[in-house]
C-alpha cells in the first residue's frame, strides 16, 4: 500500500480504540481516507466520537517514529494489505457478520485450497494421519491450509512441506508476533510457494478470542473442502466446521474409534450427517476431486450463507462458550448477553463449566 489514503487507513487501524466500526463508518461517510482527511476526521470525531481529540489523533498520525517499525515490517516482508473496501476483499466474510477491517498477506493466495484442522492436544495417531492426508493432497497439487497452531495444524503444514507441496497459514494473531516466534517455519512455507495470512492488525498478540475468529477464514479459503482430523466434542476446530457448513463448503471428518473421546466431535459431525466419513487419504482425494468436477461451474452466493443469529439454534446443536456464540451469531456482545440471560430466566439455557447448555 503506497497511496496517502491507504497509508492513513493503516495508521488508523493500528491506533488504540479505533477498529472496524470506526473505519467502516468513516469510509461510508467520506469514501476515502485521503482527500480532505483532516477536515473529515475533525467532523467525524465531533459527531460520532466527541470525547476523542482530533488534534491528538492527527499528531500521532504525523509521527514518523511512531510508524517506523510497522512500515519497515511491511516493506521487509512485502506484506500485501487488502482493506475491507477493496474489491479483492472476500465479501462472504461480511455476510458471515465478521468485523474484519483488512487482510494482511505474505505470499500468494491459492483459489483451490483444502483446509485440515483439529485439536492442539493431538494424539500421535492423529498427527500421523494428518501428515498422511496433507502429504497426499499436496502431492496432487492441492494447497493445504491450516491455522499454524500446535497439534493437528502443524502436522498438516508439515505433511504438505514433506513432499514439497504448498501450504498456507491463517494465523490467529498479527503477522509481527507470529513471524517473530516462527521464523524458520515461515521461511519453509514461503520458499515452497505458500502463504501467511492474518485478519488482525500487525501487532496483535494471540488471545482466546483471536483463534476462534480466524477459523472462519480457514473455512473460507478451504474452497475445495475442510477435513476435521481429530476433534473432541468441545474442540475449537468444530467452529471451523460450522463456518464450512455456512459457506456450503464440503466437510469431511476422519474417524479412528467411535469410543475415543479425542474423536467425539468427529463422531457428532458424522452421526448428524454434517460431514462425510473419511478413513484413508485416497478416499479423501477421490471425494474432493469428484466434488470439484461436479461443482466446477457453481459459485457461492449470499444465499449460501446462513443468516441465523439466534443463540438458541446454535446451543441446540451442542454446548458452546460465550466467545463461540459471539462469532456464530454475529451479535454485539451486550445483545448476545441479553438474549442468553432471557433464555436462562426462561429455563431454556444453563451455564456450566464456562459453557452455555441448552436445556429445553
Protein backbone atom coordinates (compact mmCIF):
# COMPACT_ATOMS: atom_id res chain seq x y z
CA UNK A 1 0.00 0.00 0.00
CA UNK A 2 1.63 3.23 -1.07
CA UNK A 3 -1.02 5.92 -1.52
CA UNK A 4 -1.66 8.52 1.15
CA UNK A 5 -5.19 7.21 1.65
CA UNK A 6 -4.00 3.65 2.18
CA UNK A 7 -1.21 4.76 4.49
CA UNK A 8 -3.66 6.73 6.64
CA UNK A 9 -6.05 3.77 6.77
CA UNK A 10 -3.24 1.52 8.04
CA UNK A 11 -2.20 4.01 10.72
CA UNK A 12 -5.76 4.43 11.95
CA UNK A 13 -6.20 0.66 12.10
CA UNK A 14 -3.22 0.42 14.46
CA UNK A 15 -4.37 3.16 16.83
CA UNK A 16 -5.80 2.08 20.17
CA UNK A 17 -9.56 2.49 20.33
CA UNK A 18 -10.08 2.57 16.56
CA UNK A 19 -11.45 -0.55 14.93
CA UNK A 20 -13.73 -1.85 12.23
CA UNK A 21 -16.79 0.13 13.33
CA UNK A 22 -14.89 3.43 13.22
CA UNK A 23 -13.17 2.70 9.91
CA UNK A 24 -16.33 1.41 8.21
CA UNK A 25 -18.35 4.38 9.41
CA UNK A 26 -15.70 6.84 8.23
CA UNK A 27 -15.42 5.20 4.80
CA UNK A 28 -19.19 5.04 4.32
CA UNK A 29 -19.39 8.73 5.15
CA UNK A 30 -16.49 10.08 3.09
CA UNK A 31 -15.48 7.29 0.69
CA UNK A 32 -11.75 7.89 1.21
CA UNK A 33 -9.04 8.22 3.83
CA UNK A 34 -7.13 10.64 1.62
CA UNK A 35 -8.74 13.75 0.21
CA UNK A 36 -9.70 16.35 2.86
CA UNK A 37 -8.79 13.85 5.57
CA UNK A 38 -8.04 16.36 8.32
CA UNK A 39 -11.32 18.19 7.88
CA UNK A 40 -13.25 14.94 7.52
CA UNK A 41 -11.67 13.50 10.67
CA UNK A 42 -12.49 16.57 12.75
CA UNK A 43 -16.09 16.45 11.54
CA UNK A 44 -16.43 12.70 12.09
CA UNK A 45 -14.99 12.75 15.59
CA UNK A 46 -17.11 15.71 16.61
CA UNK A 47 -20.28 13.90 15.53
CA UNK A 48 -19.54 10.30 16.44
CA UNK A 49 -16.71 10.34 18.99
CA UNK A 50 -16.82 13.75 20.72
CA UNK A 51 -14.54 12.62 23.58
CA UNK A 52 -11.68 11.91 21.18
CA UNK A 53 -9.37 14.84 20.44
CA UNK A 54 -8.85 15.12 16.64
CA UNK A 55 -5.62 17.10 17.06
CA UNK A 56 -4.15 14.34 19.22
CA UNK A 57 -5.05 11.75 16.59
CA UNK A 58 -3.60 13.87 13.78
CA UNK A 59 -0.41 14.45 15.76
CA UNK A 60 0.02 10.69 16.27
CA UNK A 61 -0.57 10.02 12.58
CA UNK A 62 2.16 12.53 11.65
CA UNK A 63 4.79 10.98 13.96
CA UNK A 64 7.41 9.26 11.82
CA UNK A 65 8.99 7.47 14.79
CA UNK A 66 5.62 6.03 15.84
CA UNK A 67 5.19 4.22 12.50
CA UNK A 68 8.78 3.40 11.56
CA UNK A 69 8.73 -0.22 12.77
CA UNK A 70 5.32 -1.02 11.32
CA UNK A 71 6.03 0.26 7.81
CA UNK A 72 9.52 -1.23 7.94
CA UNK A 73 7.95 -4.63 8.58
CA UNK A 74 5.53 -4.18 5.68
CA UNK A 75 8.40 -3.42 3.34
CA UNK A 76 10.77 -6.11 4.62
CA UNK A 77 8.26 -8.94 4.27
CA UNK A 78 6.44 -7.49 1.26
CA UNK A 79 3.13 -7.67 3.06
CA UNK A 80 0.08 -7.15 0.89
CA UNK A 81 -2.80 -5.32 2.56
CA UNK A 82 -6.39 -5.91 1.45
CA UNK A 83 -8.75 -3.48 3.25
CA UNK A 84 -12.45 -4.19 3.68
CA UNK A 85 -13.39 -1.73 0.92
CA UNK A 86 -11.04 -3.30 -1.65
CA UNK A 87 -12.68 -5.30 -4.46
CA UNK A 88 -10.33 -8.21 -3.65
CA UNK A 89 -11.73 -8.50 -0.12
CA UNK A 90 -13.90 -11.65 0.32
CA UNK A 91 -17.49 -10.40 0.64
CA UNK A 92 -18.60 -13.69 2.20
CA UNK A 93 -16.77 -12.67 5.39
CA UNK A 94 -19.07 -9.70 5.79
CA UNK A 95 -22.08 -11.88 5.05
CA UNK A 96 -20.95 -14.05 7.94
CA UNK A 97 -21.05 -10.95 10.11
CA UNK A 98 -17.29 -10.81 10.70
CA UNK A 99 -15.79 -7.43 11.56
CA UNK A 100 -12.54 -7.74 9.63
CA UNK A 101 -11.03 -4.36 8.66
CA UNK A 102 -8.24 -5.79 6.49
CA UNK A 103 -6.33 -8.91 5.47
CA UNK A 104 -2.53 -8.95 5.72
CA UNK A 105 -0.87 -11.35 3.30
CA UNK A 106 2.64 -12.61 2.62
CA UNK A 107 2.81 -14.77 -0.49
CA UNK A 108 0.07 -15.67 -2.94
CA UNK A 109 -3.41 -16.92 -2.06
CA UNK A 110 -4.49 -20.08 -3.90
CA UNK A 111 -8.02 -20.44 -5.25
CA UNK A 112 -8.22 -24.20 -4.75
CA UNK A 113 -7.03 -24.74 -1.18
CA UNK A 114 -8.15 -27.52 1.15
CA UNK A 115 -8.33 -26.96 4.93
CA UNK A 116 -7.21 -29.51 7.52
CA UNK A 117 -7.81 -28.76 11.20
CA UNK A 118 -8.10 -30.41 14.60
CA UNK A 119 -7.15 -30.21 18.25
CA UNK A 120 -3.93 -28.76 19.62
CA UNK A 121 -3.70 -31.72 22.02
CA UNK A 122 -3.47 -34.22 19.21
CA UNK A 123 -2.54 -37.86 19.70
CA UNK A 124 0.42 -39.39 17.91
CA UNK A 125 -2.03 -41.29 15.70
CA UNK A 126 -3.97 -38.11 14.89
CA UNK A 127 -0.82 -36.26 13.86
CA UNK A 128 0.40 -39.22 11.82
CA UNK A 129 -2.86 -39.43 9.87
CA UNK A 130 -2.92 -35.66 9.40
CA UNK A 131 0.54 -35.77 7.85
CA UNK A 132 -0.60 -38.56 5.53
CA UNK A 133 -3.72 -36.69 4.41
CA UNK A 134 -1.81 -33.44 3.87
CA UNK A 135 1.07 -35.06 2.01
CA UNK A 136 -1.31 -36.96 -0.26
CA UNK A 137 -3.23 -33.83 -1.22
CA UNK A 138 -0.11 -31.70 -1.62
CA UNK A 139 1.50 -34.27 -3.92
CA UNK A 140 -1.53 -33.89 -6.19
CA UNK A 141 -1.04 -30.13 -6.31
CA UNK A 142 -3.75 -29.17 -3.80
CA UNK A 143 -2.63 -26.43 -1.37
CA UNK A 144 -3.13 -27.41 2.27
CA UNK A 145 -4.44 -24.70 4.60
CA UNK A 146 -4.47 -24.69 8.39
CA UNK A 147 -4.03 -22.42 11.40
CA UNK A 148 -0.34 -22.79 12.25
CA UNK A 149 -1.04 -23.90 15.83
CA UNK A 150 0.45 -26.89 17.66
CA UNK A 151 -1.04 -30.34 17.13
CA UNK A 152 -3.12 -31.11 14.05
CA UNK A 153 -2.44 -27.73 12.37
CA UNK A 154 1.33 -28.14 12.42
CA UNK A 155 1.04 -31.74 11.30
CA UNK A 156 -0.99 -30.59 8.29
CA UNK A 157 1.59 -27.97 7.31
CA UNK A 158 4.40 -30.44 7.95
CA UNK A 159 2.81 -33.14 5.80
CA UNK A 160 2.46 -30.76 2.85
CA UNK A 161 6.02 -29.47 3.23
CA UNK A 162 7.42 -33.00 3.48
CA UNK A 163 6.56 -33.58 -0.19
CA UNK A 164 7.50 -30.08 -1.35
CA UNK A 165 3.86 -29.03 -1.53
CA UNK A 166 2.17 -25.69 -0.99
CA UNK A 167 0.70 -24.86 2.40
CA UNK A 168 -0.76 -21.70 3.91
CA UNK A 169 -1.19 -20.47 7.46
CA UNK A 170 -4.21 -18.47 8.63
CA UNK A 171 -2.65 -17.00 11.76
CA UNK A 172 -4.58 -16.39 14.95
CA UNK A 173 -2.56 -13.26 15.69
CA UNK A 174 -0.87 -10.39 13.89
CA UNK A 175 1.92 -11.14 11.43
CA UNK A 176 4.60 -9.42 13.52
CA UNK A 177 4.33 -11.64 16.63
CA UNK A 178 3.64 -14.75 14.52
CA UNK A 179 6.77 -14.33 12.41
CA UNK A 180 8.94 -13.39 15.40
CA UNK A 181 8.04 -16.74 17.01
CA UNK A 182 8.04 -18.88 13.86
CA UNK A 183 10.78 -17.52 11.61
CA UNK A 184 12.20 -20.81 10.29
CA UNK A 185 8.71 -22.31 9.84
CA UNK A 186 7.56 -19.25 7.90
CA UNK A 187 10.62 -19.35 5.62
CA UNK A 188 9.96 -23.01 4.75
CA UNK A 189 6.38 -22.22 3.82
CA UNK A 190 7.23 -19.20 1.69
CA UNK A 191 10.17 -20.94 0.00
CA UNK A 192 7.72 -23.64 -1.14
CA UNK A 193 5.34 -21.09 -2.63
CA UNK A 194 2.93 -20.94 0.30
CA UNK A 195 1.47 -18.00 2.21
CA UNK A 196 0.90 -16.50 5.65
CA UNK A 197 -2.36 -14.60 6.19
CA UNK A 198 -3.80 -12.69 9.13
CA UNK A 199 -7.02 -10.74 9.66
CA UNK A 200 -5.61 -8.90 12.67
CA UNK A 201 -3.61 -5.66 12.88
CA UNK A 202 0.08 -6.43 12.50
CA UNK A 203 0.97 -6.05 16.19
CA UNK A 204 -1.95 -8.06 17.66
CA UNK A 205 -0.84 -10.82 20.03
CA UNK A 206 -2.76 -14.09 20.13
CA UNK A 207 -5.58 -14.36 22.68
CA UNK A 208 -8.52 -16.65 23.45
CA UNK A 209 -10.80 -14.60 21.20
CA UNK A 210 -8.46 -14.31 18.21
CA UNK A 211 -8.06 -18.00 17.43
CA UNK A 212 -11.80 -18.85 17.14
CA UNK A 213 -12.27 -15.75 14.98
CA UNK A 214 -9.70 -16.80 12.41
CA UNK A 215 -11.43 -20.18 11.96
CA UNK A 216 -13.88 -18.52 9.58
CA UNK A 217 -11.01 -17.62 7.27
CA UNK A 218 -9.67 -21.17 7.37
CA UNK A 219 -13.08 -22.44 6.26
CA UNK A 220 -13.40 -19.69 3.64
CA UNK A 221 -10.05 -20.38 1.96
CA UNK A 222 -10.70 -24.13 2.08
CA UNK A 223 -12.51 -23.74 -1.24
CA UNK A 224 -12.27 -27.46 -2.00
CA UNK A 225 -13.33 -28.52 1.47
CA UNK A 226 -12.39 -28.93 5.13
CA UNK A 227 -11.24 -32.07 6.92
CA UNK A 228 -11.60 -32.41 10.70
CA UNK A 229 -8.98 -34.98 11.69
CA UNK A 230 -9.15 -35.19 15.48
CA UNK A 231 -11.54 -33.03 17.50
CA UNK A 232 -13.05 -33.65 20.95
CA UNK A 233 -16.64 -32.51 21.46
CA UNK A 234 -15.61 -29.02 22.59
CA UNK A 235 -12.71 -28.51 20.21
CA UNK A 236 -12.28 -25.11 18.55
CA UNK A 237 -11.85 -26.98 15.26
CA UNK A 238 -15.61 -27.56 15.27
CA UNK A 239 -16.08 -23.81 14.85
CA UNK A 240 -14.27 -24.20 11.53
CA UNK A 241 -16.71 -26.98 10.67
CA UNK A 242 -19.64 -24.67 11.47
CA UNK A 243 -18.27 -22.00 9.15
CA UNK A 244 -17.59 -24.52 6.38
CA UNK A 245 -21.25 -25.54 6.55
CA UNK A 246 -22.48 -21.96 6.49
CA UNK A 247 -20.32 -21.32 3.44
CA UNK A 248 -21.57 -24.58 1.89
CA UNK A 249 -18.05 -25.94 1.59
CA UNK A 250 -17.60 -29.74 1.51
CA UNK A 251 -16.98 -31.06 5.03
CA UNK A 252 -15.17 -34.29 5.92
CA UNK A 253 -14.29 -35.99 9.19
CA UNK A 254 -11.70 -38.69 9.84
CA UNK A 255 -12.66 -41.37 12.36
CA UNK A 256 -10.36 -43.73 14.20
CA UNK A 257 -12.52 -45.02 17.05
CA UNK A 258 -16.09 -44.05 17.97
CA UNK A 259 -15.38 -44.61 21.69
CA UNK A 260 -12.26 -42.44 21.80
CA UNK A 261 -13.16 -39.03 23.33
CA UNK A 262 -10.46 -37.42 21.17
CA UNK A 263 -12.81 -38.05 18.22
CA UNK A 264 -16.04 -37.09 20.00
CA UNK A 265 -16.57 -34.04 17.79
CA UNK A 266 -15.88 -36.06 14.66
CA UNK A 267 -18.48 -38.63 15.72
CA UNK A 268 -21.12 -35.91 16.18
CA UNK A 269 -20.37 -34.42 12.76
CA UNK A 270 -20.73 -37.78 11.06
CA UNK A 271 -23.77 -39.00 13.04
CA UNK A 272 -25.52 -35.72 12.36
CA UNK A 273 -24.96 -36.10 8.63
CA UNK A 274 -22.92 -32.89 8.61
CA UNK A 275 -19.60 -34.39 7.47
CA UNK A 276 -18.61 -37.21 5.16
CA UNK A 277 -16.72 -40.06 6.85
CA UNK A 278 -13.11 -40.41 5.68
CA UNK A 279 -10.66 -43.13 6.69
CA UNK A 280 -7.89 -43.06 4.08
CA UNK A 281 -6.05 -40.36 2.04
CA UNK A 282 -7.07 -41.84 -1.33
CA UNK A 283 -10.70 -41.81 -0.23
CA UNK A 284 -10.40 -38.12 0.65
CA UNK A 285 -8.71 -37.24 -2.62
CA UNK A 286 -11.36 -39.12 -4.65
CA UNK A 287 -14.14 -37.28 -2.82
CA UNK A 288 -12.51 -33.87 -3.25
CA UNK A 289 -11.89 -34.41 -6.96
CA UNK A 290 -15.42 -35.74 -7.59
CA UNK A 291 -17.00 -32.79 -5.81
CA UNK A 292 -14.74 -30.36 -7.63
CA UNK A 293 -15.64 -31.80 -11.02
CA UNK A 294 -19.33 -31.88 -10.22
CA UNK A 295 -19.43 -28.28 -8.99
CA UNK A 296 -16.82 -26.69 -11.22
CA UNK A 297 -19.32 -24.24 -12.68
CA UNK A 298 -21.01 -23.28 -9.40
CA UNK A 299 -20.26 -20.13 -7.49
CA UNK A 300 -21.02 -19.21 -3.91
CA UNK A 301 -23.86 -16.77 -3.47
CA UNK A 302 -25.11 -14.82 -0.48
CA UNK A 303 -27.93 -17.34 -0.30
CA UNK A 304 -25.33 -19.92 0.60
CA UNK A 305 -24.66 -18.20 3.91
CA UNK A 306 -26.93 -18.70 6.89
CA UNK A 307 -28.38 -15.51 8.32
CA UNK A 308 -29.48 -17.25 11.52
CA UNK A 309 -28.29 -15.34 14.57
CA UNK A 310 -30.28 -16.89 17.41
CA UNK A 311 -28.03 -18.31 20.15
CA UNK A 312 -30.70 -20.90 20.92
CA UNK A 313 -30.38 -22.54 17.50
CA UNK A 314 -26.63 -22.98 17.95
CA UNK A 315 -26.99 -24.22 21.53
CA UNK A 316 -29.45 -26.87 20.38
CA UNK A 317 -26.57 -28.38 18.40
CA UNK A 318 -24.18 -28.56 21.36
CA UNK A 319 -22.88 -26.58 24.39
CA UNK A 320 -20.89 -23.50 23.43
CA UNK A 321 -18.79 -20.81 25.09
CA UNK A 322 -19.78 -17.16 25.04
CA UNK A 323 -16.90 -16.46 22.62
CA UNK A 324 -18.16 -19.13 20.20
CA UNK A 325 -21.66 -17.68 20.30
CA UNK A 326 -20.31 -14.18 19.63
CA UNK A 327 -18.72 -15.43 16.42
CA UNK A 328 -21.54 -17.71 15.29
CA UNK A 329 -24.43 -15.31 15.95
CA UNK A 330 -22.61 -12.14 14.83
CA UNK A 331 -24.47 -10.30 17.60
CA UNK A 332 -22.99 -7.41 19.59
CA UNK A 333 -21.71 -8.56 22.98
CA UNK A 334 -24.38 -6.76 25.00
CA UNK A 335 -27.23 -8.04 22.80
CA UNK A 336 -25.97 -11.63 22.99
CA UNK A 337 -25.66 -11.41 26.78
CA UNK A 338 -29.21 -10.08 26.99
CA UNK A 339 -30.59 -12.92 24.85
CA UNK A 340 -28.72 -15.55 26.88
CA UNK A 341 -29.94 -14.05 30.15
CA UNK A 342 -33.55 -14.22 28.92
CA UNK A 343 -33.06 -17.85 27.90
CA UNK A 344 -31.66 -18.61 31.36
CA UNK A 345 -34.61 -16.91 33.05
CA UNK A 346 -36.94 -18.97 30.88
CA UNK A 347 -35.13 -22.11 32.00
CA UNK A 348 -34.06 -22.97 28.47
CA UNK A 349 -30.32 -22.46 28.97
CA UNK A 350 -27.97 -23.17 31.88
CA UNK A 351 -24.29 -22.31 32.42
CA UNK A 352 -21.85 -24.99 33.44
CA UNK A 353 -18.05 -25.08 33.30
CA UNK A 354 -17.78 -22.00 31.10
CA UNK A 355 -20.32 -23.35 28.58
CA UNK A 356 -23.91 -22.42 27.81
CA UNK A 357 -26.02 -25.57 27.58
CA UNK A 358 -29.48 -25.84 26.05
CA UNK A 359 -31.89 -27.50 28.47
CA UNK A 360 -35.16 -27.13 26.58
